[in-house]
Amino acid sequence: MTDVTELRSRTVTANGLRMHVIEAGAGEPVLFLHGFPESSREWARVMASLADRAHVIALDLRGAGSSEAPPSGYDAPTVVRDVIALLDELGIERVNLVAHDWGALVGFDLCLAHPDRVRRYVAIAVPAPYFDMTPALIAGMAKAMPHLWFQWVIATPGIGPRLLSGGRQRLARWLLRGFERRPMDAADVEAYVTTLRDPARARAASKLYRGLILPAFMKIMRGAYRGRTLHTPTLVLFGADDALLPKDAMALRPEDAPHTRVEFVPGGAHYLVDDNPEQVALRVADFVLA
């Protein structure tokens, strides 16, 4: 297995955005998109496990990590263009995609808009965007909603950035500690909250919730993805202890996503990549590299 210290770091400009990229290995390309409020750092252990079998690449998405945090562009179409432009800059025609949390929302849009660019897709902690609003699902969603209060707080201009960046950063620390199964590495937590102390990045985080994350879930809830079939072979991974969405939300109709399956991974919750990187690496390898 490659050591995490062997991951190479560089800056790539694509779609007019300076992006921080880490990579290792050679061969079949696998691109990783991180969740909130994380960065490419999230994937270091998984990448190290796979680098002897593939060309593994992770980027800091717009406004996160060490990538540029411009004042605008925190919407799904723009972030999808960021990713496609990065693939073009790297000379990658077709990639295997692995994404977590809001990165997985972008991943589904990318697969639907550019199916020719994604060979296989692994989405983590986010279901395929097709909900049948049955009474059982509505009841389950109502039970989960109190856990999601923070989304509206972060999205609020002024208040969200101030709470993420100021003082002891209790909200950011709670986000990273409140949905884990195994305590997240302390150095990782400090790296993520330190990034949010930059006012531009804290504002970017709020705009991300306002312009991409909350609108994406509203689109899913009102059935906006119906009729757009997900043809990309897709594996959806959920931590078995993830309480943010009811398991009823994972049911799929064949006409929506005929090549998609869902697996629940023991020893993990919402931050499954941090909770159980060994299992994530194993399941990604089995699905993408077998």
Protein backbone atom coordinates (compact mmCIF):
# COMPACT_ATOMS: atom_id res chain seq x y z
CA MET A 1 0.00 0.00 0.00
CA THR A 2 1.21 3.51 -0.84
CA ASP A 3 1.97 5.76 2.13
CA VAL A 4 -0.18 8.90 2.37
CA THR A 5 3.03 10.97 2.34
CA GLU A 6 3.59 9.80 -1.25
CA LEU A 7 0.51 11.61 -2.55
CA ARG A 8 1.59 14.30 -5.01
CA SER A 9 0.13 17.81 -4.78
CA ARG A 10 -0.24 20.43 -7.50
CA THR A 11 -2.42 23.30 -8.69
CA VAL A 12 -4.44 23.00 -11.91
CA THR A 13 -6.38 25.88 -13.49
CA ALA A 14 -9.63 24.75 -15.11
CA ASN A 15 -12.87 26.61 -15.85
CA GLY A 16 -11.01 29.74 -14.75
CA LEU A 17 -10.55 28.29 -11.23
CA ARG A 18 -7.27 27.45 -9.51
CA MET A 19 -7.82 23.98 -8.06
CA HIS A 20 -5.66 22.08 -5.61
CA VAL A 21 -5.24 18.45 -6.68
CA ILE A 22 -3.59 15.46 -5.01
CA GLU A 23 -2.83 12.26 -6.88
CA ALA A 24 -0.84 9.04 -6.88
CA GLY A 25 -0.41 5.86 -8.88
CA ALA A 26 -0.93 5.12 -12.56
CA GLY A 27 -3.40 3.33 -14.79
CA GLU A 28 -7.21 3.41 -14.57
CA PRO A 29 -8.22 6.93 -13.41
CA VAL A 30 -10.36 7.31 -10.28
CA LEU A 31 -11.51 10.80 -9.28
CA PHE A 32 -12.64 11.57 -5.72
CA LEU A 33 -14.99 14.43 -4.71
CA HIS A 34 -15.13 15.33 -1.01
CA GLY A 35 -17.99 16.28 1.31
CA PHE A 36 -18.71 19.20 3.65
CA PRO A 37 -16.82 20.74 5.39
CA GLU A 38 -13.93 18.59 4.23
CA SER A 39 -11.42 18.66 1.36
CA SER A 40 -9.34 16.26 -0.71
CA ARG A 41 -7.67 15.36 2.59
CA GLU A 42 -10.74 13.20 3.31
CA TRP A 43 -9.59 10.68 0.71
CA ALA A 44 -5.90 10.29 1.65
CA ARG A 45 -6.18 6.86 3.30
CA VAL A 46 -8.50 5.45 0.63
CA MET A 47 -6.23 6.77 -2.14
CA ALA A 48 -3.16 5.27 -0.48
CA SER A 49 -4.90 1.88 -0.44
CA LEU A 50 -5.73 2.04 -4.17
CA ALA A 51 -2.66 3.80 -5.61
CA ASP A 52 -0.88 0.57 -6.50
CA ARG A 53 -3.82 -0.36 -8.76
CA ALA A 54 -5.03 2.92 -10.27
CA HIS A 55 -4.34 6.59 -10.96
CA VAL A 56 -6.12 8.12 -7.98
CA ILE A 57 -6.95 11.85 -8.04
CA ALA A 58 -8.75 14.09 -5.55
CA LEU A 59 -9.42 17.80 -5.81
CA ASP A 60 -10.46 20.51 -3.43
CA LEU A 61 -13.77 21.63 -4.87
CA ARG A 62 -14.59 25.32 -5.44
CA GLY A 63 -14.26 27.26 -2.18
CA ALA A 64 -12.84 24.32 -0.19
CA GLY A 65 -9.41 23.26 0.99
CA SER A 66 -6.63 25.03 -0.90
CA SER A 67 -8.61 25.68 -4.08
CA GLU A 68 -9.68 29.18 -5.00
CA ALA A 69 -12.76 30.60 -3.26
CA PRO A 70 -14.27 33.08 -5.75
CA PRO A 71 -17.34 35.14 -4.80
CA SER A 72 -19.69 33.16 -7.09
CA GLY A 73 -20.22 29.83 -8.82
CA TYR A 74 -21.60 27.76 -5.93
CA ASP A 75 -24.30 26.05 -7.96
CA ALA A 76 -24.44 22.56 -9.43
CA PRO A 77 -23.96 23.44 -13.14
CA THR A 78 -20.86 25.52 -12.39
CA VAL A 79 -19.27 22.88 -10.15
CA VAL A 80 -20.01 20.19 -12.77
CA ARG A 81 -18.22 22.40 -15.31
CA ASP A 82 -15.30 22.70 -12.88
CA VAL A 83 -14.96 18.91 -12.77
CA ILE A 84 -15.32 18.40 -16.53
CA ALA A 85 -12.76 21.16 -17.19
CA LEU A 86 -10.36 19.50 -14.73
CA LEU A 87 -10.71 16.17 -16.56
CA ASP A 88 -10.00 17.97 -19.83
CA GLU A 89 -6.90 19.63 -18.36
CA LEU A 90 -5.66 16.27 -17.09
CA GLY A 91 -6.32 14.63 -20.46
CA ILE A 92 -8.82 12.14 -18.99
CA GLU A 93 -11.61 11.26 -21.40
CA ARG A 94 -13.47 8.83 -19.12
CA VAL A 95 -13.11 8.48 -15.36
CA ASN A 96 -14.32 6.38 -12.48
CA LEU A 97 -15.96 8.72 -9.98
CA VAL A 98 -16.19 8.36 -6.19
CA ALA A 99 -17.95 11.10 -4.21
CA HIS A 100 -19.22 11.82 -0.71
CA ASP A 101 -21.94 14.11 0.67
CA TRP A 102 -22.40 17.27 -1.47
CA GLY A 103 -19.71 15.95 -3.80
CA ALA A 104 -22.07 13.02 -4.43
CA LEU A 105 -24.89 15.43 -5.37
CA VAL A 106 -22.52 16.90 -7.96
CA GLY A 107 -21.58 13.39 -9.02
CA PHE A 108 -25.16 12.41 -9.87
CA ASP A 109 -25.61 15.59 -11.92
CA LEU A 110 -22.32 14.90 -13.70
CA CYS A 111 -23.36 11.34 -14.59
CA LEU A 112 -26.72 12.53 -15.92
CA ALA A 113 -25.33 15.47 -17.89
CA HIS A 114 -22.14 13.81 -19.15
CA PRO A 115 -22.68 10.03 -19.14
CA ASP A 116 -19.88 9.61 -21.68
CA ARG A 117 -17.32 10.95 -19.17
CA VAL A 118 -18.04 8.57 -16.25
CA ARG A 119 -17.33 4.86 -16.49
CA ARG A 120 -18.55 3.87 -13.01
CA TYR A 121 -19.77 5.87 -10.03
CA VAL A 122 -19.63 5.28 -6.27
CA ALA A 123 -21.82 7.68 -4.26
CA ILE A 124 -21.37 7.79 -0.49
CA ALA A 125 -23.97 8.98 2.06
CA VAL A 126 -26.31 10.41 -0.61
CA PRO A 127 -29.04 8.37 -2.35
CA ALA A 128 -29.78 8.41 -6.06
CA PRO A 129 -32.03 11.45 -6.69
CA TYR A 130 -35.32 9.58 -7.11
CA PHE A 131 -37.71 9.52 -4.16
CA ASP A 132 -41.17 7.95 -4.10
CA MET A 133 -42.89 10.09 -1.47
CA THR A 134 -44.79 7.26 0.21
CA PRO A 135 -46.40 7.78 3.65
CA ALA A 136 -43.61 5.68 5.24
CA LEU A 137 -40.92 7.77 3.56
CA ILE A 138 -42.60 11.04 4.53
CA ALA A 139 -42.75 9.86 8.14
CA GLY A 140 -39.10 8.83 8.02
CA MET A 141 -38.06 12.14 6.52
CA ALA A 142 -39.99 14.02 9.21
CA LYS A 143 -38.09 12.04 11.85
CA ALA A 144 -34.76 12.88 10.22
CA MET A 145 -35.43 16.60 9.70
CA PRO A 146 -34.49 17.71 13.25
CA HIS A 147 -30.98 16.38 12.56
CA LEU A 148 -30.68 18.72 9.56
CA TRP A 149 -31.41 22.08 11.25
CA PHE A 150 -27.83 23.19 10.64
CA GLN A 151 -28.32 23.33 6.86
CA TRP A 152 -30.64 26.34 7.07
CA VAL A 153 -28.38 28.04 9.61
CA ILE A 154 -25.29 27.67 7.41
CA ALA A 155 -27.22 28.90 4.36
CA THR A 156 -28.27 32.13 6.09
CA PRO A 157 -26.16 35.07 4.84
CA GLY A 158 -24.05 36.67 7.55
CA ILE A 159 -25.08 34.24 10.28
CA GLY A 160 -23.81 31.07 8.58
CA PRO A 161 -20.31 32.37 7.75
CA ARG A 162 -19.93 33.95 11.18
CA LEU A 163 -20.83 30.74 13.02
CA LEU A 164 -18.56 28.64 10.83
CA SER A 165 -15.52 30.89 11.14
CA GLY A 166 -15.73 32.77 14.42
CA GLY A 167 -14.71 32.07 17.99
CA ARG A 168 -14.31 28.42 18.91
CA GLN A 169 -16.05 27.38 15.68
CA ARG A 170 -18.43 25.20 17.63
CA LEU A 171 -20.77 24.65 14.67
CA ALA A 172 -17.98 23.44 12.36
CA ARG A 173 -16.57 21.18 15.08
CA TRP A 174 -20.02 19.82 15.88
CA LEU A 175 -20.61 19.00 12.21
CA LEU A 176 -17.41 16.99 12.11
CA ARG A 177 -17.96 15.29 15.45
CA GLY A 178 -21.74 14.90 15.51
CA PHE A 179 -22.22 12.40 12.68
CA GLU A 180 -19.22 10.10 13.05
CA ARG A 181 -19.03 6.49 14.15
CA ARG A 182 -15.33 6.49 14.97
CA PRO A 183 -13.65 9.70 16.23
CA MET A 184 -12.31 11.64 13.25
CA ASP A 185 -8.56 12.20 13.24
CA ALA A 186 -7.88 15.32 15.32
CA ALA A 187 -5.40 16.69 12.78
CA ASP A 188 -8.03 16.37 10.05
CA VAL A 189 -10.61 18.22 12.15
CA GLU A 190 -8.15 21.05 12.80
CA ALA A 191 -7.27 21.28 9.11
CA TYR A 192 -10.95 21.61 8.13
CA VAL A 193 -11.90 24.18 10.76
CA THR A 194 -8.72 26.18 10.12
CA THR A 195 -9.70 26.52 6.46
CA LEU A 196 -13.10 27.91 7.50
CA ARG A 197 -11.45 30.71 9.48
CA ASP A 198 -10.77 32.37 6.14
CA PRO A 199 -13.81 34.69 5.68
CA ALA A 200 -13.90 34.03 1.92
CA ARG A 201 -14.13 30.28 2.52
CA ALA A 202 -16.75 30.65 5.24
CA ARG A 203 -18.84 32.75 2.84
CA ALA A 204 -18.27 30.14 0.12
CA ALA A 205 -19.57 27.44 2.47
CA SER A 206 -22.76 29.41 3.12
CA LYS A 207 -23.26 30.08 -0.60
CA LEU A 208 -22.74 26.38 -1.28
CA TYR A 209 -25.65 25.47 0.99
CA ARG A 210 -27.77 28.28 -0.41
CA GLY A 211 -26.96 27.68 -4.08
CA LEU A 212 -26.34 23.94 -4.39
CA ILE A 213 -27.04 21.70 -1.40
CA LEU A 214 -30.49 22.89 -0.34
CA PRO A 215 -31.71 23.45 -3.94
CA ALA A 216 -30.55 19.94 -4.85
CA PHE A 217 -32.60 18.35 -2.11
CA MET A 218 -35.62 20.48 -3.02
CA LYS A 219 -35.31 19.26 -6.62
CA ILE A 220 -35.17 15.66 -5.46
CA MET A 221 -38.18 16.09 -3.17
CA ARG A 222 -40.36 17.58 -5.92
CA GLY A 223 -39.41 14.84 -8.38
CA ALA A 224 -37.40 17.00 -10.78
CA TYR A 225 -35.11 14.08 -11.68
CA ARG A 226 -37.94 11.81 -12.82
CA GLY A 227 -37.58 10.99 -16.50
CA ARG A 228 -33.78 11.44 -16.44
CA THR A 229 -32.56 7.85 -16.28
CA LEU A 230 -29.25 7.20 -14.55
CA HIS A 231 -27.54 4.76 -16.92
CA THR A 232 -24.07 4.93 -15.29
CA PRO A 233 -23.30 1.76 -13.31
CA THR A 234 -23.57 3.09 -9.77
CA LEU A 235 -22.89 1.83 -6.26
CA VAL A 236 -24.45 3.80 -3.39
CA LEU A 237 -22.71 3.25 -0.05
CA PHE A 238 -24.26 4.21 3.27
CA GLY A 239 -22.87 3.80 6.74
CA ALA A 240 -25.11 1.36 8.57
CA ASP A 241 -25.37 3.84 11.46
CA ASP A 242 -26.16 6.91 9.32
CA ALA A 243 -29.31 8.48 10.77
CA LEU A 244 -29.60 11.41 8.35
CA LEU A 245 -31.85 9.61 5.86
CA PRO A 246 -34.34 6.77 6.37
CA LYS A 247 -33.53 3.51 4.63
CA ASP A 248 -36.86 3.77 2.77
CA ALA A 249 -35.29 6.61 0.78
CA MET A 250 -32.89 4.13 -0.83
CA ALA A 251 -35.53 2.17 -2.76
CA LEU A 252 -35.16 2.62 -6.52
CA ARG A 253 -37.34 1.88 -9.53
CA PRO A 254 -35.56 0.12 -12.42
CA GLU A 255 -36.73 2.78 -14.86
CA ASP A 256 -34.92 5.47 -12.84
CA ALA A 257 -31.58 3.78 -12.21
CA PRO A 258 -31.38 0.34 -13.83
CA HIS A 259 -27.69 -0.22 -13.04
CA THR A 260 -27.61 1.07 -9.47
CA ARG A 261 -27.35 -0.88 -6.23
CA VAL A 262 -27.23 0.17 -2.57
CA GLU A 263 -25.02 -1.29 0.16
CA PHE A 264 -24.91 -0.54 3.88
CA VAL A 265 -21.43 -0.61 5.39
CA PRO A 266 -21.02 -1.61 9.05
CA GLY A 267 -18.81 0.47 11.27
CA GLY A 268 -19.72 3.79 9.72
CA ALA A 269 -22.16 6.69 9.75
CA HIS A 270 -22.38 9.84 7.61
CA TYR A 271 -18.60 10.34 7.56
CA LEU A 272 -18.15 6.79 6.30
CA VAL A 273 -14.85 7.55 4.54
CA ASP A 274 -13.32 8.64 7.86
CA ASP A 275 -15.10 6.01 9.96
CA ASN A 276 -14.13 3.02 7.85
CA PRO A 277 -11.63 3.86 5.08
CA GLU A 278 -10.61 0.22 4.76
CA GLN A 279 -14.11 -0.91 3.81
CA VAL A 280 -14.62 2.06 1.51
CA ALA A 281 -11.37 1.29 -0.32
CA LEU A 282 -12.29 -2.41 -0.58
CA ARG A 283 -15.76 -1.72 -2.00
CA VAL A 284 -14.51 0.93 -4.41
CA ALA A 285 -11.84 -1.49 -5.66
CA ASP A 286 -14.35 -4.34 -6.06
CA PHE A 287 -16.82 -2.16 -7.98
CA VAL A 288 -14.49 0.05 -10.01
CA LEU A 289 -11.25 -1.88 -10.49
CA ALA A 290 -12.31 -5.53 -10.54
